[in-house]
C-alpha cells in the first residue's frame, strides 16, 4: 500500500510539474508577443521624440515674443499719442 501511495504521489507531482512547465511556456509565448508590440511602441515614441526635438526652443521663443508684444503695445501707445497730436495740429492748420 505504501508503495502504491508513493507511486501515485510521484505521478501527481510529475503531472503538477508538467502542468507548471506548460503554463510557464504559454505565459512566455504571451509575453514574447507583448514584447513585439512594446518594441513597436518604443520605436514610435523614439521617432516622435526625434521629430519634436526642435520644439525645445519654443519656450525661449515664447518668452521673446511676449517681450516683443509688450514693446509693441508701448509703440502703439506712442502712435496713438502722435495721432492725437497730429490731429490737433491738422485742425489748427485748417483753421488758420
C-alpha atoms as a PDB file:
ATOM      1  CA  UNK A   1       0.000   0.000   0.000  1.00  0.00           C
ATOM      2  CA  UNK A   2       2.834   2.410   0.848  1.00  0.00           C
ATOM      3  CA  UNK A   3       4.473   1.661  -2.494  1.00  0.00           C
ATOM      4  CA  UNK A   4       1.217   2.412  -4.323  1.00  0.00           C
ATOM      5  CA  UNK A   5       0.789   5.728  -2.493  1.00  0.00           C
ATOM      6  CA  UNK A   6       4.416   6.651  -3.221  1.00  0.00           C
ATOM      7  CA  UNK A   7       3.943   5.904  -6.932  1.00  0.00           C
ATOM      8  CA  UNK A   8       0.694   7.881  -7.044  1.00  0.00           C
ATOM      9  CA  UNK A   9       2.356  10.798  -5.233  1.00  0.00           C
ATOM     10  CA  UNK A  10       5.262  10.730  -7.693  1.00  0.00           C
ATOM     11  CA  UNK A  11       2.833  10.643 -10.645  1.00  0.00           C
ATOM     12  CA  UNK A  12       0.827  13.543  -9.244  1.00  0.00           C
ATOM     13  CA  UNK A  13       3.996  15.532  -8.563  1.00  0.00           C
ATOM     14  CA  UNK A  14       5.189  14.831 -12.116  1.00  0.00           C
ATOM     15  CA  UNK A  15       1.830  15.859 -13.589  1.00  0.00           C
ATOM     16  CA  UNK A  16       1.881  19.019 -11.471  1.00  0.00           C
ATOM     17  CA  UNK A  17       5.395  19.769 -12.699  1.00  0.00           C
ATOM     18  CA  UNK A  18       4.357  19.162 -16.328  1.00  0.00           C
ATOM     19  CA  UNK A  19       1.301  21.426 -15.905  1.00  0.00           C
ATOM     20  CA  UNK A  20       3.546  24.103 -14.394  1.00  0.00           C
ATOM     21  CA  UNK A  21       6.043  23.851 -17.260  1.00  0.00           C
ATOM     22  CA  UNK A  22       3.254  24.034 -19.874  1.00  0.00           C
ATOM     23  CA  UNK A  23       1.691  27.029 -18.113  1.00  0.00           C
ATOM     24  CA  UNK A  24       5.020  28.836 -17.903  1.00  0.00           C
ATOM     25  CA  UNK A  25       5.668  28.121 -21.584  1.00  0.00           C
ATOM     26  CA  UNK A  26       2.260  29.599 -22.512  1.00  0.00           C
ATOM     27  CA  UNK A  27       2.986  32.665 -20.365  1.00  0.00           C
ATOM     28  CA  UNK A  28       6.389  33.010 -22.046  1.00  0.00           C
ATOM     29  CA  UNK A  29       4.802  32.936 -25.510  1.00  0.00           C
ATOM     30  CA  UNK A  30       2.281  35.577 -24.490  1.00  0.00           C
ATOM     31  CA  UNK A  31       4.998  37.796 -23.038  1.00  0.00           C
ATOM     32  CA  UNK A  32       7.058  37.441 -26.218  1.00  0.00           C
ATOM     33  CA  UNK A  33       4.046  38.520 -28.248  1.00  0.00           C
ATOM     34  CA  UNK A  34       3.518  41.517 -25.980  1.00  0.00           C
ATOM     35  CA  UNK A  35       7.223  42.314 -26.251  1.00  0.00           C
ATOM     36  CA  UNK A  36       6.888  42.763 -30.022  1.00  0.00           C
ATOM     37  CA  UNK A  37       4.136  45.327 -29.540  1.00  0.00           C
ATOM     38  CA  UNK A  38       6.077  47.126 -26.823  1.00  0.00           C
ATOM     39  CA  UNK A  39       9.114  47.324 -29.123  1.00  0.00           C
ATOM     40  CA  UNK A  40       6.931  48.870 -31.846  1.00  0.00           C
ATOM     41  CA  UNK A  41       5.507  51.389 -29.374  1.00  0.00           C
ATOM     42  CA  UNK A  42       9.012  52.180 -28.125  1.00  0.00           C
ATOM     43  CA  UNK A  43      10.194  52.732 -31.697  1.00  0.00           C
ATOM     44  CA  UNK A  44       7.251  55.078 -32.324  1.00  0.00           C
ATOM     45  CA  UNK A  45       7.934  57.053 -29.161  1.00  0.00           C
ATOM     46  CA  UNK A  46      11.592  57.436 -30.138  1.00  0.00           C
ATOM     47  CA  UNK A  47      10.558  58.647 -33.588  1.00  0.00           C
ATOM     48  CA  UNK A  48       8.185  61.198 -32.055  1.00  0.00           C
ATOM     49  CA  UNK A  49      10.901  62.314 -29.641  1.00  0.00           C
ATOM     50  CA  UNK A  50      13.354  62.744 -32.514  1.00  0.00           C
ATOM     51  CA  UNK A  51      10.835  64.677 -34.622  1.00  0.00           C
ATOM     52  CA  UNK A  52       9.895  67.033 -31.784  1.00  0.00           C
ATOM     53  CA  UNK A  53      13.458  67.761 -30.582  1.00  0.00           C
ATOM     54  CA  UNK A  54      13.371  71.121 -32.299  1.00  0.00           C
ATOM     55  CA  UNK A  55      10.398  72.222 -30.212  1.00  0.00           C
ATOM     56  CA  UNK A  56      12.662  72.555 -27.171  1.00  0.00           C
ATOM     57  CA  UNK A  57      13.370  76.201 -28.040  1.00  0.00           C
ATOM     58  CA  UNK A  58       9.689  77.110 -28.131  1.00  0.00           C
ATOM     59  CA  UNK A  59       9.762  78.288 -24.518  1.00  0.00           C
ATOM     60  CA  UNK A  60      12.617  80.679 -25.266  1.00  0.00           C
ATOM     61  CA  UNK A  61      10.828  81.871 -28.387  1.00  0.00           C
ATOM     62  CA  UNK A  62       7.619  82.341 -26.426  1.00  0.00           C
ATOM     63  CA  UNK A  63       9.431  84.494 -23.840  1.00  0.00           C
ATOM     64  CA  UNK A  64      10.941  86.630 -26.597  1.00  0.00           C
ATOM     65  CA  UNK A  65       7.607  87.062 -28.330  1.00  0.00           C
ATOM     66  CA  UNK A  66       5.970  88.041 -25.035  1.00  0.00           C
ATOM     67  CA  UNK A  67       8.614  90.738 -24.535  1.00  0.00           C
ATOM     68  CA  UNK A  68       8.103  91.872 -28.128  1.00  0.00           C
ATOM     69  CA  UNK A  69       4.352  92.089 -27.582  1.00  0.00           C
ATOM     70  CA  UNK A  70       4.953  94.348 -24.577  1.00  0.00           C
ATOM     71  CA  UNK A  71       7.226  96.572 -26.656  1.00  0.00           C
ATOM     72  CA  UNK A  72       4.710  96.745 -29.492  1.00  0.00           C
ATOM     73  CA  UNK A  73       1.993  97.803 -27.034  1.00  0.00           C
ATOM     74  CA  UNK A  74       4.250 100.665 -25.961  1.00  0.00           C
ATOM     75  CA  UNK A  75       4.816 101.640 -29.615  1.00  0.00           C
ATOM     76  CA  UNK A  76       1.073 101.524 -30.231  1.00  0.00           C
ATOM     77  CA  UNK A  77       0.518 103.875 -27.279  1.00  0.00           C
ATOM     78  CA  UNK A  78       3.104 106.305 -28.707  1.00  0.00           C
ATOM     79  CA  UNK A  79       1.464 106.185 -32.144  1.00  0.00           C
ATOM     80  CA  UNK A  80      -1.901 106.907 -30.522  1.00  0.00           C
ATOM     81  CA  UNK A  81      -0.387 109.994 -28.869  1.00  0.00           C
ATOM     82  CA  UNK A  82       1.218 111.075 -32.153  1.00  0.00           C
ATOM     83  CA  UNK A  83      -2.102 110.618 -33.951  1.00  0.00           C
ATOM     84  CA  UNK A  84      -3.878 112.766 -31.391  1.00  0.00           C
ATOM     85  CA  UNK A  85      -1.202 115.465 -31.633  1.00  0.00           C
ATOM     86  CA  UNK A  86      -1.127 115.424 -35.436  1.00  0.00           C
ATOM     87  CA  UNK A  87      -4.912 115.588 -35.494  1.00  0.00           C
ATOM     88  CA  UNK A  88      -4.827 118.694 -33.302  1.00  0.00           C
ATOM     89  CA  UNK A  89      -2.119 120.318 -35.432  1.00  0.00           C
ATOM     90  CA  UNK A  90      -4.035 119.489 -38.607  1.00  0.00           C
ATOM     91  CA  UNK A  91      -7.199 121.121 -37.301  1.00  0.00           C
ATOM     92  CA  UNK A  92      -5.203 124.227 -36.293  1.00  0.00           C
ATOM     93  CA  UNK A  93      -3.650 124.447 -39.761  1.00  0.00           C
ATOM     94  CA  UNK A  94      -7.027 124.110 -41.450  1.00  0.00           C
ATOM     95  CA  UNK A  95      -8.465 126.921 -39.337  1.00  0.00           C
ATOM     96  CA  UNK A  96      -5.539 129.232 -39.887  1.00  0.00           C
END
